[in-house]
Amino acid sequence: MESTYKLLDEAVESLRQRGFGKPRIALILGSGLGGLAGSFQEAVAVDYRDIPGFPPATIPGHAGRLVWGKLQGVDAVAMQGRFHYYEGHSQRQIAFALWTMRSLGAEILIVTNAAGGINPDFRVGDLMLIADHINMTGDNPLIGPNPDRFGPRFPDMSRAYTPELRELALEAATGLKLNLQQGVYLSVTGPCFETPAEIQSFRRLGADAVGMSTVPEVITAVHAGMKVLGISCITNMAAGLGAEKLDHQEVIDVTKKVQSNFQALVTEIIALIGRRIPQ
């Protein structure tokens, strides 16, 4: 881990020199959802390729920048786009970005994603509050030497998605008159969309939505002692549940349609965190 810690310290120092302060909240903005960072005040943005240890973003809809600033008066750092296992990054490399934001000072993670709906009561364009997850990637970012700087060898995942933050999210949705679904997110490796038989099996396991991200970051954040909130945008009904052929452009198109509601929800959640949760 010593080489990882050295590179991590270099990343943090590089960002400090560029004007990054100490964030309270870290955000990971998934496919088509990066526009929220445009609402930051006093913003400073750095391309991933200019941060030690960060690979460039390669997925359409991911700007590939780390942004620092204030949102609703709360200091925050946001990833405009994330790293995926299917891009060839190890889950340790995915964890590195989260460790960087934690090392900057972030105590709360708000993670967003685009997901396929499995629950038949869901509709395209719904937002889903993640209550729990199922890791079907066959991997874990904590495999290997334990990063003792951040947390214990065997972290408890029984309350991975912080109940207090979920309550604030529901309150925010009510105030905005948004219908916020709740459910279990199941993570696969990608990059191919799932088969109808796989979706049927995932539903039997208790999954309400499926995607190709989020779980590695959440495991890393929980291990590092962060509070976590997760929200999915249901961009399509999963294989076998709709008539349409699945493609990534559909994901981008749907997130564009719902981004105003999505951004309003996350903004209001951050405002409530600033007022309700002491530092």
Protein backbone atom coordinates (compact mmCIF):
# COMPACT_ATOMS: atom_id res chain seq x y z
CA MET A 1 0.00 0.00 0.00
CA GLU A 2 2.94 2.36 0.45
CA SER A 3 3.17 3.15 -3.27
CA THR A 4 -0.59 3.77 -3.34
CA TYR A 5 -0.37 6.10 -0.35
CA LYS A 6 2.49 8.01 -2.00
CA LEU A 7 0.51 8.49 -5.20
CA LEU A 8 -2.56 9.44 -3.17
CA ASP A 9 -0.60 12.11 -1.28
CA GLU A 10 0.63 13.46 -4.63
CA ALA A 11 -2.94 13.65 -5.93
CA VAL A 12 -4.17 15.52 -2.86
CA GLU A 13 -1.24 17.95 -2.91
CA SER A 14 -1.80 18.60 -6.62
CA LEU A 15 -5.43 19.44 -5.99
CA ARG A 16 -4.60 21.66 -3.01
CA GLN A 17 -2.21 23.62 -5.18
CA ARG A 18 -4.99 24.14 -7.72
CA GLY A 19 -7.30 25.65 -5.11
CA PHE A 20 -9.23 22.68 -3.72
CA GLY A 21 -10.25 23.13 -0.10
CA LYS A 22 -11.73 20.71 2.42
CA PRO A 23 -15.07 19.35 1.17
CA ARG A 24 -17.79 18.07 3.43
CA ILE A 25 -19.60 16.19 0.68
CA ALA A 26 -18.27 14.12 -2.22
CA LEU A 27 -20.51 13.51 -5.22
CA ILE A 28 -20.13 10.96 -8.00
CA LEU A 29 -22.22 12.07 -10.97
CA GLY A 30 -23.04 9.26 -13.38
CA SER A 31 -23.99 9.09 -17.07
CA GLY A 32 -25.63 12.32 -18.23
CA LEU A 33 -25.84 13.70 -14.68
CA GLY A 34 -22.65 15.74 -14.53
CA GLY A 35 -24.47 19.03 -15.12
CA LEU A 36 -25.03 19.45 -11.38
CA ALA A 37 -21.41 20.54 -11.04
CA GLY A 38 -22.33 23.56 -13.15
CA SER A 39 -24.28 24.87 -10.15
CA PHE A 40 -21.18 25.04 -7.96
CA GLN A 41 -20.14 28.48 -6.74
CA GLU A 42 -16.46 29.44 -6.57
CA ALA A 43 -15.81 26.38 -8.72
CA VAL A 44 -12.39 24.96 -9.60
CA ALA A 45 -12.22 22.08 -12.11
CA VAL A 46 -9.35 19.75 -12.98
CA ASP A 47 -9.33 17.15 -15.76
CA TYR A 48 -8.76 13.61 -14.52
CA ARG A 49 -5.71 13.24 -16.76
CA ASP A 50 -4.06 16.05 -14.77
CA ILE A 51 -4.53 14.36 -11.38
CA PRO A 52 -1.86 11.82 -10.29
CA GLY A 53 -3.35 8.31 -10.25
CA PHE A 54 -6.50 9.23 -12.20
CA PRO A 55 -7.05 7.72 -15.67
CA PRO A 56 -8.98 9.73 -18.28
CA ALA A 57 -12.73 9.19 -18.63
CA THR A 58 -13.72 7.29 -21.78
CA ILE A 59 -17.52 6.93 -21.60
CA PRO A 60 -19.91 9.27 -23.47
CA GLY A 61 -21.78 11.48 -20.99
CA HIS A 62 -18.83 11.59 -18.58
CA ALA A 63 -16.93 14.90 -18.70
CA GLY A 64 -13.95 13.47 -16.83
CA ARG A 65 -13.32 16.31 -14.37
CA LEU A 66 -13.03 16.71 -10.62
CA VAL A 67 -14.81 19.88 -9.50
CA TRP A 68 -14.46 21.74 -6.21
CA GLY A 69 -16.83 24.45 -4.96
CA LYS A 70 -19.85 25.29 -2.84
CA LEU A 71 -23.39 24.03 -3.35
CA GLN A 72 -26.13 25.45 -1.13
CA GLY A 73 -23.33 26.90 0.99
CA VAL A 74 -21.81 23.45 1.60
CA ASP A 75 -18.23 22.72 0.51
CA ALA A 76 -18.27 19.87 -1.99
CA VAL A 77 -16.15 17.97 -4.49
CA ALA A 78 -17.74 16.22 -7.47
CA MET A 79 -16.65 13.65 -10.00
CA GLN A 80 -18.15 14.53 -13.38
CA GLY A 81 -18.10 10.97 -14.59
CA ARG A 82 -16.69 7.87 -12.96
CA PHE A 83 -14.36 4.97 -13.68
CA HIS A 84 -15.82 1.57 -14.53
CA TYR A 85 -14.56 -1.96 -14.11
CA TYR A 86 -15.47 -2.71 -17.73
CA GLU A 87 -13.09 0.01 -18.96
CA GLY A 88 -10.26 -2.18 -17.73
CA HIS A 89 -9.73 -0.42 -14.42
CA SER A 90 -9.27 -2.60 -11.36
CA GLN A 91 -11.63 -1.99 -8.46
CA ARG A 92 -8.59 -0.67 -6.57
CA GLN A 93 -8.19 1.99 -9.26
CA ILE A 94 -11.87 2.84 -8.87
CA ALA A 95 -11.32 3.10 -5.11
CA PHE A 96 -8.41 5.50 -5.62
CA ALA A 97 -10.70 8.34 -6.69
CA LEU A 98 -12.85 7.84 -3.59
CA TRP A 99 -9.77 7.70 -1.36
CA THR A 100 -8.66 10.99 -2.90
CA MET A 101 -11.93 12.73 -2.02
CA ARG A 102 -11.87 11.21 1.46
CA SER A 103 -8.29 12.43 1.93
CA LEU A 104 -9.38 15.92 0.91
CA GLY A 105 -11.77 15.77 3.87
CA ALA A 106 -15.11 14.50 2.53
CA GLU A 107 -17.28 12.80 5.17
CA ILE A 108 -20.42 12.13 3.13
CA LEU A 109 -20.74 10.44 -0.27
CA ILE A 110 -23.69 11.04 -2.58
CA VAL A 111 -23.40 8.62 -5.49
CA THR A 112 -25.63 8.67 -8.55
CA ASN A 113 -26.00 6.37 -11.52
CA ALA A 114 -28.09 5.41 -14.50
CA ALA A 115 -29.75 2.01 -14.06
CA GLY A 116 -32.09 -0.42 -15.74
CA GLY A 117 -35.40 -0.97 -14.00
CA ILE A 118 -36.22 -4.51 -12.87
CA ASN A 119 -39.14 -3.78 -10.55
CA PRO A 120 -42.27 -3.91 -12.76
CA ASP A 121 -43.76 -0.99 -10.82
CA PHE A 122 -40.94 1.30 -12.02
CA ARG A 123 -41.17 3.50 -15.09
CA VAL A 124 -38.50 5.02 -17.32
CA GLY A 125 -37.46 8.36 -15.81
CA ASP A 126 -38.13 7.34 -12.20
CA LEU A 127 -35.58 8.16 -9.52
CA MET A 128 -34.78 5.38 -7.06
CA LEU A 129 -33.31 5.82 -3.60
CA ILE A 130 -30.91 2.94 -3.05
CA ALA A 131 -31.83 1.07 0.13
CA ASP A 132 -29.25 -1.70 -0.28
CA HIS A 133 -27.19 -3.39 -2.96
CA ILE A 134 -26.16 -6.78 -4.31
CA ASN A 135 -22.60 -7.13 -5.60
CA MET A 136 -22.56 -9.42 -8.64
CA THR A 137 -19.25 -8.18 -10.07
CA GLY A 138 -17.26 -11.06 -8.59
CA ASP A 139 -14.74 -8.57 -7.19
CA ASN A 140 -14.23 -6.16 -4.30
CA PRO A 141 -12.05 -3.04 -4.00
CA LEU A 142 -10.78 -4.20 -0.61
CA ILE A 143 -9.23 -7.44 -1.88
CA GLY A 144 -5.50 -7.32 -1.24
CA PRO A 145 -3.56 -5.53 1.52
CA ASN A 146 -5.98 -3.61 3.72
CA PRO A 147 -5.72 0.18 3.37
CA ASP A 148 -5.34 0.70 7.13
CA ARG A 149 -5.17 4.46 6.66
CA PHE A 150 -8.91 4.40 5.92
CA GLY A 151 -10.57 1.53 7.74
CA PRO A 152 -10.61 -2.00 9.19
CA ARG A 153 -9.91 -5.30 7.46
CA PHE A 154 -13.53 -6.48 7.79
CA PRO A 155 -15.97 -3.54 7.44
CA ASP A 156 -19.64 -3.92 8.37
CA MET A 157 -21.96 -3.43 5.35
CA SER A 158 -25.27 -3.96 7.16
CA ARG A 159 -26.14 -0.23 6.98
CA ALA A 160 -24.16 0.77 3.91
CA TYR A 161 -26.71 3.39 2.85
CA THR A 162 -27.06 5.71 5.84
CA PRO A 163 -30.67 5.72 7.16
CA GLU A 164 -30.41 9.36 8.27
CA LEU A 165 -29.48 10.47 4.76
CA ARG A 166 -32.21 8.36 3.20
CA GLU A 167 -34.77 10.07 5.44
CA LEU A 168 -33.50 13.48 4.32
CA ALA A 169 -33.76 12.37 0.68
CA LEU A 170 -37.39 11.33 1.16
CA GLU A 171 -38.11 14.64 2.88
CA ALA A 172 -36.49 16.54 0.02
CA ALA A 173 -38.51 14.60 -2.56
CA THR A 174 -41.75 15.29 -0.71
CA GLY A 175 -40.98 19.00 -0.59
CA LEU A 176 -40.30 19.02 -4.33
CA LYS A 177 -43.37 16.86 -5.06
CA LEU A 178 -41.19 14.21 -6.68
CA ASN A 179 -42.06 10.51 -6.63
CA LEU A 180 -38.90 8.92 -5.24
CA GLN A 181 -38.90 5.14 -5.55
CA GLN A 182 -36.86 2.96 -3.19
CA GLY A 183 -35.15 -0.32 -3.92
CA VAL A 184 -32.16 -2.62 -4.13
CA TYR A 185 -29.46 -1.91 -6.72
CA LEU A 186 -27.59 -4.84 -8.24
CA SER A 187 -24.15 -4.23 -9.77
CA VAL A 188 -22.71 -6.24 -12.66
CA THR A 189 -19.47 -5.78 -14.54
CA GLY A 190 -20.80 -4.80 -17.98
CA PRO A 191 -20.17 -3.63 -20.63
CA CYS A 192 -22.91 -5.68 -22.29
CA PHE A 193 -26.49 -5.23 -21.19
CA GLU A 194 -27.96 -8.21 -19.40
CA THR A 195 -29.94 -11.07 -20.94
CA PRO A 196 -33.63 -11.52 -20.13
CA ALA A 197 -32.78 -14.70 -18.19
CA GLU A 198 -30.24 -12.81 -16.08
CA ILE A 199 -32.80 -10.11 -15.31
CA GLN A 200 -35.32 -12.73 -14.21
CA SER A 201 -32.75 -14.26 -11.88
CA PHE A 202 -31.79 -10.84 -10.48
CA ARG A 203 -35.43 -10.12 -9.70
CA ARG A 204 -35.69 -13.41 -7.81
CA LEU A 205 -32.64 -12.31 -5.81
CA GLY A 206 -34.52 -9.17 -4.76
CA ALA A 207 -33.05 -6.56 -7.11
CA ASP A 208 -35.14 -3.58 -8.23
CA ALA A 209 -32.56 -2.04 -10.58
CA VAL A 210 -29.33 -3.10 -12.27
CA GLY A 211 -26.25 -1.16 -13.33
CA MET A 212 -22.52 -1.32 -14.00
CA SER A 213 -21.13 0.91 -11.26
CA THR A 214 -21.58 2.34 -7.76
CA VAL A 215 -20.99 -0.71 -5.56
CA PRO A 216 -17.15 -0.48 -5.61
CA GLU A 217 -17.33 3.19 -4.59
CA VAL A 218 -19.88 2.49 -1.85
CA ILE A 219 -17.82 -0.36 -0.39
CA THR A 220 -14.77 1.92 -0.39
CA ALA A 221 -16.69 4.76 1.26
CA VAL A 222 -18.21 2.58 3.98
CA HIS A 223 -14.79 1.10 4.73
CA ALA A 224 -13.43 4.64 5.04
CA GLY A 225 -16.09 5.64 7.57
CA MET A 226 -18.18 7.83 5.27
CA LYS A 227 -21.95 8.26 5.35
CA VAL A 228 -23.46 7.19 2.02
CA LEU A 229 -26.51 8.11 -0.03
CA GLY A 230 -27.22 6.52 -3.41
CA ILE A 231 -29.75 7.51 -6.09
CA SER A 232 -30.40 5.78 -9.41
CA CYS A 233 -32.05 7.25 -12.49
CA ILE A 234 -34.10 4.52 -14.17
CA THR A 235 -33.18 5.13 -17.80
CA ASN A 236 -34.68 1.99 -19.32
CA MET A 237 -36.53 -1.13 -18.36
CA ALA A 238 -34.09 -4.04 -18.25
CA ALA A 239 -33.89 -6.77 -20.90
CA GLY A 240 -37.14 -8.66 -21.38
CA LEU A 241 -39.22 -6.01 -19.60
CA GLY A 242 -39.62 -3.59 -22.52
CA ALA A 243 -39.95 -3.73 -26.26
CA GLU A 244 -37.03 -1.45 -27.06
CA LYS A 245 -33.52 -2.55 -27.99
CA LEU A 246 -31.11 -1.40 -25.28
CA ASP A 247 -28.34 1.06 -26.06
CA HIS A 248 -26.28 3.70 -24.23
CA GLN A 249 -27.76 6.60 -26.19
CA GLU A 250 -31.12 5.83 -24.59
CA VAL A 251 -29.44 6.19 -21.21
CA ILE A 252 -28.09 9.63 -22.13
CA ASP A 253 -31.40 10.77 -23.63
CA VAL A 254 -33.44 9.84 -20.56
CA THR A 255 -31.02 11.45 -18.09
CA LYS A 256 -31.23 14.67 -20.10
CA LYS A 257 -35.02 14.63 -19.79
CA VAL A 258 -35.03 14.13 -16.03
CA GLN A 259 -31.86 16.00 -15.10
CA SER A 260 -33.72 19.08 -13.82
CA ASN A 261 -35.66 16.99 -11.29
CA PHE A 262 -32.58 14.96 -10.44
CA GLN A 263 -30.44 18.05 -9.86
CA ALA A 264 -33.18 19.74 -7.85
CA LEU A 265 -33.43 16.67 -5.61
CA VAL A 266 -29.70 16.39 -4.95
CA THR A 267 -29.42 20.16 -4.39
CA GLU A 268 -32.22 20.10 -1.82
CA ILE A 269 -30.69 17.07 -0.08
CA ILE A 270 -27.39 18.95 0.25
CA ALA A 271 -29.22 21.98 1.65
CA LEU A 272 -30.89 19.74 4.26
CA ILE A 273 -27.57 18.14 5.15
CA GLY A 274 -26.10 21.59 5.69
CA ARG A 275 -28.95 22.53 8.05
CA ARG A 276 -29.61 19.25 9.83
CA ILE A 277 -26.42 17.22 10.17
CA PRO A 278 -23.76 18.79 12.40
CA GLN A 279 -20.16 18.65 11.28
